[in-house]
Amino acid sequence: MTYYDLWVVLLGWRREFTVAEFRSTFPSPNKVLHDMARKGLLERVGRGRYRVNSPRRYLEARFNVRDAYELVRRAGMEYAFTAPDAVFIWTKGGYNVGRFFAYYPIHLKVRRDELDRWAGFFKPSGRRFHVSGEPVRRTLFGTFYVLYPEEGFEAEEVEGYKVVPLDEVVEFCRRNIYSYEPALEMLDEMYGLGLGVKYREEETNLRR
């Protein structure tokens, strides 16, 4: 039985337990609990006491989105958040669609001549990345980066992050109007763009 198999069993057994309770039910060395806590499957909540982490808590801890954004700021290279991330940042976190903690691509424009440096930056920390336009060689899940290499690009600072300009974000939303019409309205209201966009859920409902 693997640690992950045991984790599934523990989820159906008790959400919190002592070492003594565990050993009386599952004859195993204490190292099992230590290893499972190190992997994030369990959480030590007191002396000789553990809590079983839910699948959501486990995935959120393993694929920490906030840390992934902060890591980019420490790279020391030129970048600009683009596509869904540009919308997310310009709306001050108000609009985020098509992603969740177990599948969270982060979209970055980078300089083409710094692409190898980005690869070298991500690899030591075990961060996964994919270069746009290249074949996908492995399944991507959790938090990972999608890099868009360009010769040059514009970037503005918003909330401490470098992001593509607002007019580029508006154009992205217009090209993907079915997913981003609500974001257009938010941007219009936040920055007084005069777009005249009015998205209302009731307008999409069939009238009886």
N, C-alpha and C. Protein backbone atom coordinates (compact mmCIF):
# COMPACT_ATOMS: atom_id res chain seq x y z
N MET A 1 0.85 -1.20 0.00
CA MET A 1 0.00 0.00 0.00
C MET A 1 0.88 1.25 0.00
N THR A 2 0.65 2.16 -0.93
CA THR A 2 1.41 3.39 -0.99
C THR A 2 0.88 4.39 0.04
N TYR A 3 1.65 5.48 0.25
CA TYR A 3 1.20 6.53 1.16
C TYR A 3 -0.13 7.13 0.68
N TYR A 4 -0.29 7.24 -0.62
CA TYR A 4 -1.51 7.83 -1.16
C TYR A 4 -2.70 6.89 -0.97
N ASP A 5 -2.47 5.58 -1.08
CA ASP A 5 -3.52 4.61 -0.79
C ASP A 5 -3.94 4.71 0.67
N LEU A 6 -2.95 4.80 1.57
CA LEU A 6 -3.24 4.91 2.99
C LEU A 6 -3.97 6.22 3.29
N TRP A 7 -3.60 7.28 2.60
CA TRP A 7 -4.28 8.57 2.78
C TRP A 7 -5.77 8.46 2.49
N VAL A 8 -6.11 7.77 1.41
CA VAL A 8 -7.52 7.57 1.06
C VAL A 8 -8.23 6.79 2.16
N VAL A 9 -7.56 5.78 2.71
CA VAL A 9 -8.15 4.99 3.80
C VAL A 9 -8.37 5.87 5.03
N LEU A 10 -7.37 6.69 5.36
CA LEU A 10 -7.48 7.55 6.54
C LEU A 10 -8.59 8.58 6.39
N LEU A 11 -8.83 9.05 5.18
CA LEU A 11 -9.91 10.01 4.94
C LEU A 11 -11.26 9.43 5.33
N GLY A 12 -11.41 8.12 5.14
CA GLY A 12 -12.66 7.46 5.50
C GLY A 12 -12.66 6.92 6.92
N TRP A 13 -11.51 7.00 7.60
CA TRP A 13 -11.40 6.47 8.97
C TRP A 13 -11.63 7.57 9.99
N ARG A 14 -10.67 8.44 10.16
CA ARG A 14 -10.78 9.56 11.08
C ARG A 14 -10.05 10.76 10.50
N ARG A 15 -10.62 11.93 10.72
CA ARG A 15 -9.96 13.13 10.22
C ARG A 15 -8.87 13.61 11.17
N GLU A 16 -8.90 13.16 12.43
CA GLU A 16 -7.87 13.52 13.39
C GLU A 16 -7.65 12.33 14.31
N PHE A 17 -6.38 12.06 14.65
CA PHE A 17 -6.09 10.87 15.44
C PHE A 17 -4.75 11.02 16.15
N THR A 18 -4.53 10.16 17.13
CA THR A 18 -3.24 10.14 17.84
C THR A 18 -2.37 9.05 17.23
N VAL A 19 -1.08 9.12 17.55
CA VAL A 19 -0.15 8.09 17.08
C VAL A 19 -0.56 6.73 17.61
N ALA A 20 -0.98 6.70 18.87
CA ALA A 20 -1.39 5.43 19.48
C ALA A 20 -2.60 4.85 18.76
N GLU A 21 -3.56 5.68 18.42
CA GLU A 21 -4.75 5.21 17.69
C GLU A 21 -4.37 4.68 16.32
N PHE A 22 -3.46 5.36 15.67
CA PHE A 22 -3.02 4.93 14.34
C PHE A 22 -2.33 3.57 14.42
N ARG A 23 -1.40 3.40 15.35
CA ARG A 23 -0.62 2.16 15.43
C ARG A 23 -1.47 0.99 15.87
N SER A 24 -2.53 1.25 16.64
CA SER A 24 -3.39 0.15 17.07
C SER A 24 -4.28 -0.36 15.93
N THR A 25 -4.46 0.49 14.91
CA THR A 25 -5.31 0.12 13.78
C THR A 25 -4.49 -0.27 12.56
N PHE A 26 -3.37 0.43 12.35
CA PHE A 26 -2.52 0.19 11.19
C PHE A 26 -1.10 -0.07 11.68
N PRO A 27 -0.75 -1.32 11.92
CA PRO A 27 0.60 -1.63 12.43
C PRO A 27 1.68 -1.11 11.49
N SER A 28 2.18 0.06 11.79
CA SER A 28 3.18 0.72 10.94
C SER A 28 4.13 1.53 11.81
N PRO A 29 5.34 1.73 11.37
CA PRO A 29 6.29 2.55 12.14
C PRO A 29 5.90 4.03 12.11
N ASN A 30 6.38 4.78 13.09
CA ASN A 30 6.09 6.21 13.16
C ASN A 30 6.58 6.97 11.93
N LYS A 31 7.58 6.40 11.25
CA LYS A 31 8.13 7.05 10.06
C LYS A 31 7.05 7.25 8.99
N VAL A 32 6.06 6.38 8.97
CA VAL A 32 4.98 6.52 7.98
C VAL A 32 4.27 7.84 8.17
N LEU A 33 3.93 8.16 9.42
CA LEU A 33 3.24 9.42 9.71
C LEU A 33 4.14 10.61 9.39
N HIS A 34 5.40 10.49 9.73
CA HIS A 34 6.35 11.58 9.45
C HIS A 34 6.45 11.84 7.95
N ASP A 35 6.56 10.77 7.18
CA ASP A 35 6.69 10.91 5.73
C ASP A 35 5.42 11.49 5.12
N MET A 36 4.27 11.05 5.61
CA MET A 36 3.00 11.54 5.06
C MET A 36 2.80 13.01 5.40
N ALA A 37 3.25 13.43 6.57
CA ALA A 37 3.17 14.85 6.94
C ALA A 37 4.10 15.67 6.05
N ARG A 38 5.29 15.12 5.76
CA ARG A 38 6.24 15.83 4.90
C ARG A 38 5.68 16.01 3.49
N LYS A 39 4.91 15.05 3.03
CA LYS A 39 4.31 15.12 1.70
C LYS A 39 3.07 16.00 1.67
N GLY A 40 2.58 16.41 2.85
CA GLY A 40 1.40 17.26 2.91
C GLY A 40 0.09 16.50 3.00
N LEU A 41 0.17 15.17 3.13
CA LEU A 41 -1.05 14.36 3.24
C LEU A 41 -1.66 14.46 4.64
N LEU A 42 -0.79 14.64 5.63
CA LEU A 42 -1.20 14.82 7.01
C LEU A 42 -0.64 16.13 7.54
N GLU A 43 -1.22 16.59 8.64
CA GLU A 43 -0.72 17.80 9.31
C GLU A 43 -0.60 17.50 10.80
N ARG A 44 0.56 17.78 11.35
CA ARG A 44 0.75 17.56 12.78
C ARG A 44 0.11 18.71 13.53
N VAL A 45 -0.83 18.40 14.43
CA VAL A 45 -1.59 19.44 15.12
C VAL A 45 -1.32 19.47 16.61
N GLY A 46 -0.42 18.64 17.09
CA GLY A 46 -0.08 18.61 18.51
C GLY A 46 0.88 17.47 18.78
N ARG A 47 1.29 17.35 20.01
CA ARG A 47 2.22 16.28 20.36
C ARG A 47 1.55 14.92 20.15
N GLY A 48 2.09 14.16 19.22
CA GLY A 48 1.56 12.82 18.96
C GLY A 48 0.17 12.83 18.35
N ARG A 49 -0.21 13.93 17.68
CA ARG A 49 -1.56 14.02 17.11
C ARG A 49 -1.48 14.57 15.68
N TYR A 50 -2.28 13.96 14.78
CA TYR A 50 -2.27 14.34 13.37
C TYR A 50 -3.68 14.57 12.85
N ARG A 51 -3.76 15.41 11.82
CA ARG A 51 -5.01 15.64 11.11
C ARG A 51 -4.82 15.24 9.66
N VAL A 52 -5.83 14.59 9.08
CA VAL A 52 -5.77 14.20 7.67
C VAL A 52 -6.18 15.39 6.82
N ASN A 53 -5.32 15.81 5.93
CA ASN A 53 -5.65 16.93 5.05
C ASN A 53 -6.63 16.48 3.97
N SER A 54 -7.61 17.33 3.69
CA SER A 54 -8.56 17.05 2.62
C SER A 54 -7.84 17.15 1.27
N PRO A 55 -8.39 16.54 0.22
CA PRO A 55 -7.76 16.67 -1.10
C PRO A 55 -7.58 18.13 -1.52
N ARG A 56 -8.56 18.99 -1.22
CA ARG A 56 -8.43 20.39 -1.60
C ARG A 56 -7.28 21.06 -0.86
N ARG A 57 -7.19 20.82 0.45
CA ARG A 57 -6.12 21.45 1.23
C ARG A 57 -4.75 20.94 0.77
N TYR A 58 -4.67 19.66 0.46
CA TYR A 58 -3.42 19.08 -0.02
C TYR A 58 -2.98 19.73 -1.33
N LEU A 59 -3.91 19.86 -2.27
CA LEU A 59 -3.57 20.43 -3.57
C LEU A 59 -3.24 21.91 -3.47
N GLU A 60 -3.96 22.64 -2.63
CA GLU A 60 -3.68 24.06 -2.46
C GLU A 60 -2.28 24.28 -1.88
N ALA A 61 -1.89 23.40 -0.94
CA ALA A 61 -0.56 23.53 -0.34
C ALA A 61 0.53 23.15 -1.34
N ARG A 62 0.26 22.13 -2.13
CA ARG A 62 1.27 21.65 -3.07
C ARG A 62 1.44 22.58 -4.26
N PHE A 63 0.34 23.14 -4.72
CA PHE A 63 0.40 24.00 -5.90
C PHE A 63 0.05 25.43 -5.50
N ASN A 64 0.89 26.02 -4.68
CA ASN A 64 0.62 27.34 -4.13
C ASN A 64 0.69 28.40 -5.22
N VAL A 65 -0.47 28.96 -5.54
CA VAL A 65 -0.55 29.93 -6.63
C VAL A 65 0.13 31.23 -6.26
N ARG A 66 -0.08 31.71 -5.04
CA ARG A 66 0.53 32.97 -4.63
C ARG A 66 2.05 32.92 -4.76
N ASP A 67 2.65 31.82 -4.31
CA ASP A 67 4.11 31.68 -4.41
C ASP A 67 4.56 31.68 -5.86
N ALA A 68 3.74 31.11 -6.75
CA ALA A 68 4.11 31.05 -8.16
C ALA A 68 4.17 32.45 -8.77
N TYR A 69 3.26 33.32 -8.39
CA TYR A 69 3.30 34.70 -8.88
C TYR A 69 4.51 35.44 -8.29
N GLU A 70 4.75 35.25 -7.01
CA GLU A 70 5.85 35.95 -6.35
C GLU A 70 7.19 35.52 -6.92
N LEU A 71 7.30 34.25 -7.30
CA LEU A 71 8.56 33.74 -7.85
C LEU A 71 8.97 34.52 -9.10
N VAL A 72 8.01 34.87 -9.93
CA VAL A 72 8.31 35.59 -11.16
C VAL A 72 8.97 36.93 -10.88
N ARG A 73 8.54 37.59 -9.82
CA ARG A 73 9.09 38.91 -9.49
C ARG A 73 10.56 38.82 -9.06
N ARG A 74 10.98 37.63 -8.63
CA ARG A 74 12.36 37.47 -8.17
C ARG A 74 13.31 37.00 -9.26
N ALA A 75 12.80 36.86 -10.48
CA ALA A 75 13.61 36.28 -11.56
C ALA A 75 14.71 37.22 -12.03
N GLY A 76 14.50 38.53 -11.92
CA GLY A 76 15.51 39.47 -12.39
C GLY A 76 15.58 39.57 -13.89
N MET A 77 14.49 39.19 -14.56
CA MET A 77 14.42 39.28 -16.02
C MET A 77 13.16 40.02 -16.42
N GLU A 78 13.12 40.45 -17.68
CA GLU A 78 11.94 41.16 -18.17
C GLU A 78 10.80 40.17 -18.37
N TYR A 79 9.60 40.60 -18.00
CA TYR A 79 8.42 39.76 -18.17
C TYR A 79 7.19 40.66 -18.20
N ALA A 80 6.08 40.10 -18.64
CA ALA A 80 4.79 40.79 -18.54
C ALA A 80 3.71 39.72 -18.45
N PHE A 81 2.92 39.73 -17.40
CA PHE A 81 1.78 38.83 -17.33
C PHE A 81 0.83 39.19 -18.46
N THR A 82 0.28 38.17 -19.11
CA THR A 82 -0.56 38.39 -20.27
C THR A 82 -1.77 37.47 -20.24
N ALA A 83 -2.67 37.64 -21.22
CA ALA A 83 -3.86 36.79 -21.38
C ALA A 83 -4.67 36.74 -20.08
N PRO A 84 -5.11 35.56 -19.59
CA PRO A 84 -5.95 35.54 -18.38
C PRO A 84 -5.31 36.21 -17.18
N ASP A 85 -3.98 36.14 -17.07
CA ASP A 85 -3.32 36.75 -15.91
C ASP A 85 -3.32 38.27 -15.99
N ALA A 86 -3.27 38.81 -17.20
CA ALA A 86 -3.37 40.26 -17.34
C ALA A 86 -4.76 40.73 -16.91
N VAL A 87 -5.78 39.98 -17.28
CA VAL A 87 -7.15 40.31 -16.86
C VAL A 87 -7.26 40.22 -15.34
N PHE A 88 -6.71 39.15 -14.79
CA PHE A 88 -6.75 38.93 -13.35
C PHE A 88 -6.09 40.09 -12.58
N ILE A 89 -4.95 40.54 -13.06
CA ILE A 89 -4.21 41.59 -12.35
C ILE A 89 -4.85 42.96 -12.55
N TRP A 90 -5.24 43.28 -13.80
CA TRP A 90 -5.84 44.59 -14.04
C TRP A 90 -7.19 44.74 -13.33
N THR A 91 -7.92 43.63 -13.12
CA THR A 91 -9.19 43.70 -12.37
C THR A 91 -8.95 43.56 -10.87
N LYS A 92 -7.68 43.63 -10.45
CA LYS A 92 -7.30 43.54 -9.03
C LYS A 92 -7.80 42.24 -8.40
N GLY A 93 -7.71 41.16 -9.18
CA GLY A 93 -8.15 39.85 -8.70
C GLY A 93 -9.64 39.63 -8.81
N GLY A 94 -10.34 40.56 -9.46
CA GLY A 94 -11.79 40.47 -9.52
C GLY A 94 -12.33 39.51 -10.56
N TYR A 95 -11.50 39.13 -11.55
CA TYR A 95 -12.00 38.23 -12.59
C TYR A 95 -10.93 37.22 -12.93
N ASN A 96 -11.29 35.95 -12.75
CA ASN A 96 -10.37 34.85 -13.02
C ASN A 96 -11.20 33.68 -13.51
N VAL A 97 -11.01 33.27 -14.73
CA VAL A 97 -11.87 32.25 -15.33
C VAL A 97 -11.04 31.16 -15.97
N GLY A 98 -11.60 29.93 -15.99
CA GLY A 98 -10.97 28.82 -16.71
C GLY A 98 -9.81 28.17 -15.99
N ARG A 99 -9.63 28.49 -14.68
CA ARG A 99 -8.52 27.91 -13.94
C ARG A 99 -8.99 27.57 -12.53
N PHE A 100 -8.33 26.59 -11.95
CA PHE A 100 -8.57 26.25 -10.55
C PHE A 100 -7.27 25.71 -9.98
N PHE A 101 -7.23 25.45 -8.67
CA PHE A 101 -5.95 25.19 -8.03
C PHE A 101 -5.22 23.96 -8.56
N ALA A 102 -5.94 22.97 -9.11
CA ALA A 102 -5.29 21.77 -9.63
C ALA A 102 -4.90 21.91 -11.10
N TYR A 103 -5.33 22.99 -11.74
CA TYR A 103 -4.92 23.28 -13.12
C TYR A 103 -4.87 24.79 -13.26
N TYR A 104 -3.68 25.35 -13.08
CA TYR A 104 -3.55 26.80 -13.03
C TYR A 104 -2.35 27.26 -13.85
N PRO A 105 -2.54 27.41 -15.17
CA PRO A 105 -1.46 27.96 -16.00
C PRO A 105 -1.28 29.45 -15.76
N ILE A 106 -0.05 29.91 -15.67
CA ILE A 106 0.27 31.33 -15.52
C ILE A 106 0.97 31.79 -16.80
N HIS A 107 0.41 32.80 -17.44
CA HIS A 107 0.84 33.21 -18.77
C HIS A 107 1.79 34.40 -18.70
N LEU A 108 2.98 34.23 -19.31
CA LEU A 108 4.03 35.24 -19.22
C LEU A 108 4.63 35.55 -20.59
N LYS A 109 4.70 36.83 -20.93
CA LYS A 109 5.55 37.22 -22.05
C LYS A 109 6.97 37.35 -21.53
N VAL A 110 7.91 36.81 -22.29
CA VAL A 110 9.33 36.92 -21.92
C VAL A 110 10.13 37.27 -23.16
N ARG A 111 11.34 37.77 -22.97
CA ARG A 111 12.20 38.06 -24.11
C ARG A 111 12.74 36.75 -24.69
N ARG A 112 12.72 36.66 -26.00
CA ARG A 112 13.17 35.44 -26.67
C ARG A 112 14.63 35.13 -26.31
N ASP A 113 15.46 36.16 -26.20
CA ASP A 113 16.87 35.91 -25.92
C ASP A 113 17.12 35.57 -24.45
N GLU A 114 16.08 35.59 -23.61
CA GLU A 114 16.21 35.19 -22.22
C GLU A 114 15.50 33.88 -21.92
N LEU A 115 15.04 33.20 -22.96
CA LEU A 115 14.27 31.97 -22.76
C LEU A 115 15.08 30.91 -22.02
N ASP A 116 16.34 30.74 -22.39
CA ASP A 116 17.17 29.75 -21.71
C ASP A 116 17.39 30.12 -20.24
N ARG A 117 17.49 31.40 -19.97
CA ARG A 117 17.66 31.84 -18.58
C ARG A 117 16.40 31.53 -17.76
N TRP A 118 15.22 31.69 -18.37
CA TRP A 118 13.98 31.35 -17.66
C TRP A 118 13.94 29.85 -17.35
N ALA A 119 14.35 29.05 -18.32
CA ALA A 119 14.38 27.60 -18.10
C ALA A 119 15.32 27.27 -16.94
N GLY A 120 16.48 27.91 -16.91
CA GLY A 120 17.43 27.68 -15.83
C GLY A 120 16.92 28.21 -14.49
N PHE A 121 16.09 29.24 -14.54
CA PHE A 121 15.52 29.80 -13.31
C PHE A 121 14.47 28.88 -12.70
N PHE A 122 13.62 28.28 -13.54
CA PHE A 122 12.53 27.45 -13.05
C PHE A 122 12.99 26.05 -12.59
N LYS A 123 13.94 25.48 -13.27
CA LYS A 123 14.30 24.08 -13.04
C LYS A 123 14.78 23.78 -11.62
N PRO A 124 15.64 24.59 -11.00
CA PRO A 124 16.09 24.26 -9.64
C PRO A 124 14.97 24.17 -8.61
N SER A 125 13.87 24.93 -8.83
CA SER A 125 12.76 24.90 -7.89
C SER A 125 11.70 23.87 -8.29
N GLY A 126 11.96 23.15 -9.37
CA GLY A 126 11.03 22.11 -9.80
C GLY A 126 9.77 22.65 -10.44
N ARG A 127 9.78 23.93 -10.84
CA ARG A 127 8.60 24.53 -11.45
C ARG A 127 8.46 24.07 -12.90
N ARG A 128 7.26 23.67 -13.27
CA ARG A 128 7.00 23.23 -14.63
C ARG A 128 6.67 24.43 -15.51
N PHE A 129 7.08 24.36 -16.79
CA PHE A 129 6.77 25.43 -17.72
C PHE A 129 6.63 24.84 -19.12
N HIS A 130 5.95 25.59 -19.96
CA HIS A 130 5.77 25.19 -21.35
C HIS A 130 5.96 26.42 -22.22
N VAL A 131 6.68 26.27 -23.30
CA VAL A 131 6.90 27.38 -24.23
C VAL A 131 5.80 27.33 -25.29
N SER A 132 5.05 28.41 -25.39
CA SER A 132 3.95 28.46 -26.34
C SER A 132 4.44 28.19 -27.76
N GLY A 133 3.69 27.33 -28.46
CA GLY A 133 4.05 26.99 -29.83
C GLY A 133 4.86 25.72 -29.95
N GLU A 134 5.42 25.25 -28.85
CA GLU A 134 6.18 24.00 -28.87
C GLU A 134 5.28 22.82 -28.50
N PRO A 135 5.62 21.60 -28.93
CA PRO A 135 4.80 20.44 -28.58
C PRO A 135 4.76 20.23 -27.05
N VAL A 136 3.61 19.80 -26.55
CA VAL A 136 3.47 19.49 -25.13
C VAL A 136 4.01 18.08 -24.90
N ARG A 137 5.09 17.98 -24.14
CA ARG A 137 5.78 16.69 -23.98
C ARG A 137 5.34 15.91 -22.75
N ARG A 138 4.59 16.55 -21.86
CA ARG A 138 4.11 15.83 -20.67
C ARG A 138 2.84 16.50 -20.18
N THR A 139 2.08 15.75 -19.39
CA THR A 139 0.83 16.28 -18.86
C THR A 139 1.11 17.41 -17.88
N LEU A 140 0.44 18.52 -18.07
CA LEU A 140 0.61 19.67 -17.21
C LEU A 140 -0.57 19.79 -16.25
N PHE A 141 -0.28 19.94 -14.97
CA PHE A 141 -1.33 20.07 -13.97
C PHE A 141 -0.79 20.93 -12.85
N GLY A 142 -1.67 21.27 -11.92
CA GLY A 142 -1.27 22.15 -10.83
C GLY A 142 -0.92 23.52 -11.37
N THR A 143 0.03 24.17 -10.74
CA THR A 143 0.48 25.49 -11.17
C THR A 143 1.69 25.34 -12.09
N PHE A 144 1.62 25.91 -13.27
CA PHE A 144 2.74 25.86 -14.20
C PHE A 144 2.73 27.15 -15.03
N TYR A 145 3.82 27.39 -15.75
CA TYR A 145 3.96 28.63 -16.51
C TYR A 145 3.87 28.34 -18.01
N VAL A 146 3.22 29.24 -18.72
CA VAL A 146 3.22 29.22 -20.18
C VAL A 146 4.00 30.45 -20.63
N LEU A 147 5.11 30.24 -21.31
CA LEU A 147 5.99 31.33 -21.72
C LEU A 147 5.75 31.69 -23.18
N TYR A 148 5.60 32.98 -23.45
CA TYR A 148 5.40 33.49 -24.80
C TYR A 148 6.64 34.32 -25.18
N PRO A 149 7.61 33.71 -25.85
CA PRO A 149 8.84 34.44 -26.19
C PRO A 149 8.60 35.47 -27.29
N GLU A 150 9.05 36.70 -27.07
CA GLU A 150 8.93 37.77 -28.05
C GLU A 150 10.23 38.55 -28.09
N GLU A 151 10.45 39.24 -29.20
CA GLU A 151 11.66 40.05 -29.32
C GLU A 151 11.63 41.22 -28.35
N GLY A 152 10.44 41.76 -28.14
CA GLY A 152 10.26 42.86 -27.21
C GLY A 152 8.78 43.05 -26.95
N PHE A 153 8.43 43.71 -25.86
CA PHE A 153 7.03 43.93 -25.50
C PHE A 153 6.95 45.07 -24.50
N GLU A 154 5.77 45.63 -24.38
CA GLU A 154 5.53 46.69 -23.41
C GLU A 154 5.00 46.08 -22.12
N ALA A 155 5.29 46.74 -21.02
CA ALA A 155 4.80 46.28 -19.71
C ALA A 155 4.55 47.48 -18.82
N GLU A 156 3.50 47.39 -18.01
CA GLU A 156 3.19 48.40 -17.01
C GLU A 156 3.16 47.72 -15.65
N GLU A 157 3.36 48.50 -14.60
CA GLU A 157 3.34 47.93 -13.25
C GLU A 157 1.96 48.13 -12.63
N VAL A 158 1.37 47.03 -12.20
CA VAL A 158 0.05 47.05 -11.56
C VAL A 158 0.14 46.17 -10.31
N GLU A 159 -0.18 46.73 -9.17
CA GLU A 159 -0.16 45.98 -7.92
C GLU A 159 1.20 45.32 -7.67
N GLY A 160 2.27 45.95 -8.15
CA GLY A 160 3.60 45.41 -7.92
C GLY A 160 4.06 44.38 -8.94
N TYR A 161 3.21 44.09 -9.94
CA TYR A 161 3.56 43.11 -10.97
C TYR A 161 3.66 43.81 -12.33
N LYS A 162 4.51 43.28 -13.20
CA LYS A 162 4.60 43.79 -14.56
C LYS A 162 3.57 43.06 -15.42
N VAL A 163 2.79 43.82 -16.16
CA VAL A 163 1.68 43.24 -16.92
C VAL A 163 1.54 44.00 -18.23
N VAL A 164 0.98 43.35 -19.25
CA VAL A 164 0.81 44.03 -20.54
C VAL A 164 -0.13 45.22 -20.37
N PRO A 165 -0.03 46.22 -21.25
CA PRO A 165 -0.87 47.42 -21.11
C PRO A 165 -2.36 47.12 -21.17
N LEU A 166 -3.13 48.05 -20.63
CA LEU A 166 -4.58 47.86 -20.52
C LEU A 166 -5.25 47.72 -21.88
N ASP A 167 -4.80 48.47 -22.88
CA ASP A 167 -5.45 48.35 -24.19
C ASP A 167 -5.26 46.95 -24.78
N GLU A 168 -4.14 46.32 -24.47
CA GLU A 168 -3.92 44.94 -24.94
C GLU A 168 -4.83 43.96 -24.21
N VAL A 169 -5.10 44.24 -22.94
CA VAL A 169 -6.01 43.40 -22.17
C VAL A 169 -7.43 43.52 -22.71
N VAL A 170 -7.85 44.75 -23.02
CA VAL A 170 -9.18 44.97 -23.58
C VAL A 170 -9.33 44.22 -24.90
N GLU A 171 -8.30 44.26 -25.74
CA GLU A 171 -8.35 43.54 -27.02
C GLU A 171 -8.44 42.04 -26.80
N PHE A 172 -7.71 41.52 -25.81
CA PHE A 172 -7.78 40.09 -25.49
C PHE A 172 -9.21 39.72 -25.08
N CYS A 173 -9.83 40.54 -24.25
CA CYS A 173 -11.20 40.27 -23.80
C CYS A 173 -12.17 40.29 -24.98
N ARG A 174 -11.98 41.23 -25.89
CA ARG A 174 -12.87 41.31 -27.06
C ARG A 174 -12.72 40.09 -27.96
N ARG A 175 -11.50 39.59 -28.10
CA ARG A 175 -11.28 38.41 -28.94
C ARG A 175 -11.88 37.16 -28.29
N ASN A 176 -12.06 37.20 -26.99
CA ASN A 176 -12.61 36.04 -26.26
C ASN A 176 -13.87 36.48 -25.50
N ILE A 177 -14.76 37.14 -26.24
CA ILE A 177 -15.89 37.84 -25.63
C ILE A 177 -16.80 36.93 -24.83
N TYR A 178 -16.98 35.67 -25.24
CA TYR A 178 -17.91 34.80 -24.54
C TYR A 178 -17.45 34.49 -23.12
N SER A 179 -16.15 34.48 -22.91
CA SER A 179 -15.63 34.23 -21.56
C SER A 179 -15.32 35.51 -20.80
N TYR A 180 -15.07 36.61 -21.55
CA TYR A 180 -14.52 37.81 -20.89
C TYR A 180 -15.40 39.06 -21.00
N GLU A 181 -16.64 38.92 -21.45
CA GLU A 181 -17.51 40.09 -21.47
C GLU A 181 -17.72 40.69 -20.08
N PRO A 182 -17.91 39.87 -19.02
CA PRO A 182 -18.02 40.46 -17.68
C PRO A 182 -16.75 41.20 -17.27
N ALA A 183 -15.59 40.70 -17.68
CA ALA A 183 -14.33 41.37 -17.36
C ALA A 183 -14.25 42.72 -18.06
N LEU A 184 -14.75 42.81 -19.30
CA LEU A 184 -14.76 44.08 -20.00
C LEU A 184 -15.57 45.12 -19.24
N GLU A 185 -16.72 44.70 -18.72
CA GLU A 185 -17.54 45.64 -17.96
C GLU A 185 -16.81 46.09 -16.69
N MET A 186 -16.14 45.15 -16.03
CA MET A 186 -15.38 45.51 -14.83
C MET A 186 -14.29 46.52 -15.15
N LEU A 187 -13.53 46.26 -16.22
CA LEU A 187 -12.44 47.16 -16.62
C LEU A 187 -12.99 48.53 -16.99
N ASP A 188 -14.13 48.53 -17.68
CA ASP A 188 -14.76 49.79 -18.08
C ASP A 188 -15.12 50.63 -16.86
N GLU A 189 -15.70 49.98 -15.86
CA GLU A 189 -16.10 50.69 -14.65
C GLU A 189 -14.91 51.13 -13.81
N MET A 190 -13.87 50.29 -13.75
CA MET A 190 -12.71 50.60 -12.91
C MET A 190 -11.86 51.73 -13.48
N TYR A 191 -11.74 51.79 -14.82
CA TYR A 191 -10.79 52.72 -15.43
C TYR A 191 -11.45 53.76 -16.33
N GLY A 192 -12.80 53.79 -16.33
CA GLY A 192 -13.50 54.80 -17.12
C GLY A 192 -13.12 54.77 -18.58
N LEU A 193 -13.17 53.61 -19.21
CA LEU A 193 -12.71 53.45 -20.58
C LEU A 193 -13.74 53.88 -21.62
N GLY A 194 -14.98 54.06 -21.20
CA GLY A 194 -16.02 54.46 -22.14
C GLY A 194 -16.36 53.41 -23.16
N LEU A 195 -16.24 52.13 -22.76
CA LEU A 195 -16.51 51.04 -23.70
C LEU A 195 -18.00 50.80 -23.90
N GLY A 196 -18.80 51.22 -22.93
CA GLY A 196 -20.25 51.01 -23.03
C GLY A 196 -20.66 49.57 -22.92
N VAL A 197 -19.85 48.77 -22.26
CA VAL A 197 -20.15 47.34 -22.12
C VAL A 197 -21.09 47.15 -20.94
N LYS A 198 -22.18 46.44 -21.16
CA LYS A 198 -23.12 46.14 -20.08
C LYS A 198 -23.48 44.67 -20.14
N TYR A 199 -22.84 43.91 -19.28
CA TYR A 199 -23.13 42.48 -19.19
C TYR A 199 -24.01 42.26 -17.97
N ARG A 200 -25.12 41.63 -18.17
CA ARG A 200 -26.00 41.29 -17.05
C ARG A 200 -26.48 39.86 -17.25
N GLU A 201 -26.42 39.07 -16.20
CA GLU A 201 -26.79 37.65 -16.32
C GLU A 201 -28.21 37.49 -16.80
N GLU A 202 -29.13 38.40 -16.33
CA GLU A 202 -30.53 38.22 -16.70
C GLU A 202 -30.76 38.44 -18.18
N GLU A 203 -29.84 39.16 -18.86
CA GLU A 203 -30.02 39.38 -20.28
C GLU A 203 -29.78 38.12 -21.09
N THR A 204 -29.10 37.13 -20.52
CA THR A 204 -28.81 35.89 -21.24
C THR A 204 -29.89 34.84 -21.02
N ASN A 205 -30.80 35.10 -20.09
CA ASN A 205 -31.85 34.13 -19.80
C ASN A 205 -32.98 34.25 -20.81
N LEU A 206 -33.59 33.13 -21.13
CA LEU A 206 -34.74 33.13 -22.04
C LEU A 206 -35.93 33.75 -21.33
N ARG A 207 -36.61 34.64 -22.01
CA ARG A 207 -37.80 35.25 -21.43
C ARG A 207 -38.98 34.29 -21.57
N ARG A 208 -39.76 34.21 -20.51
CA ARG A 208 -40.93 33.31 -20.56
C ARG A 208 -42.16 34.08 -21.03
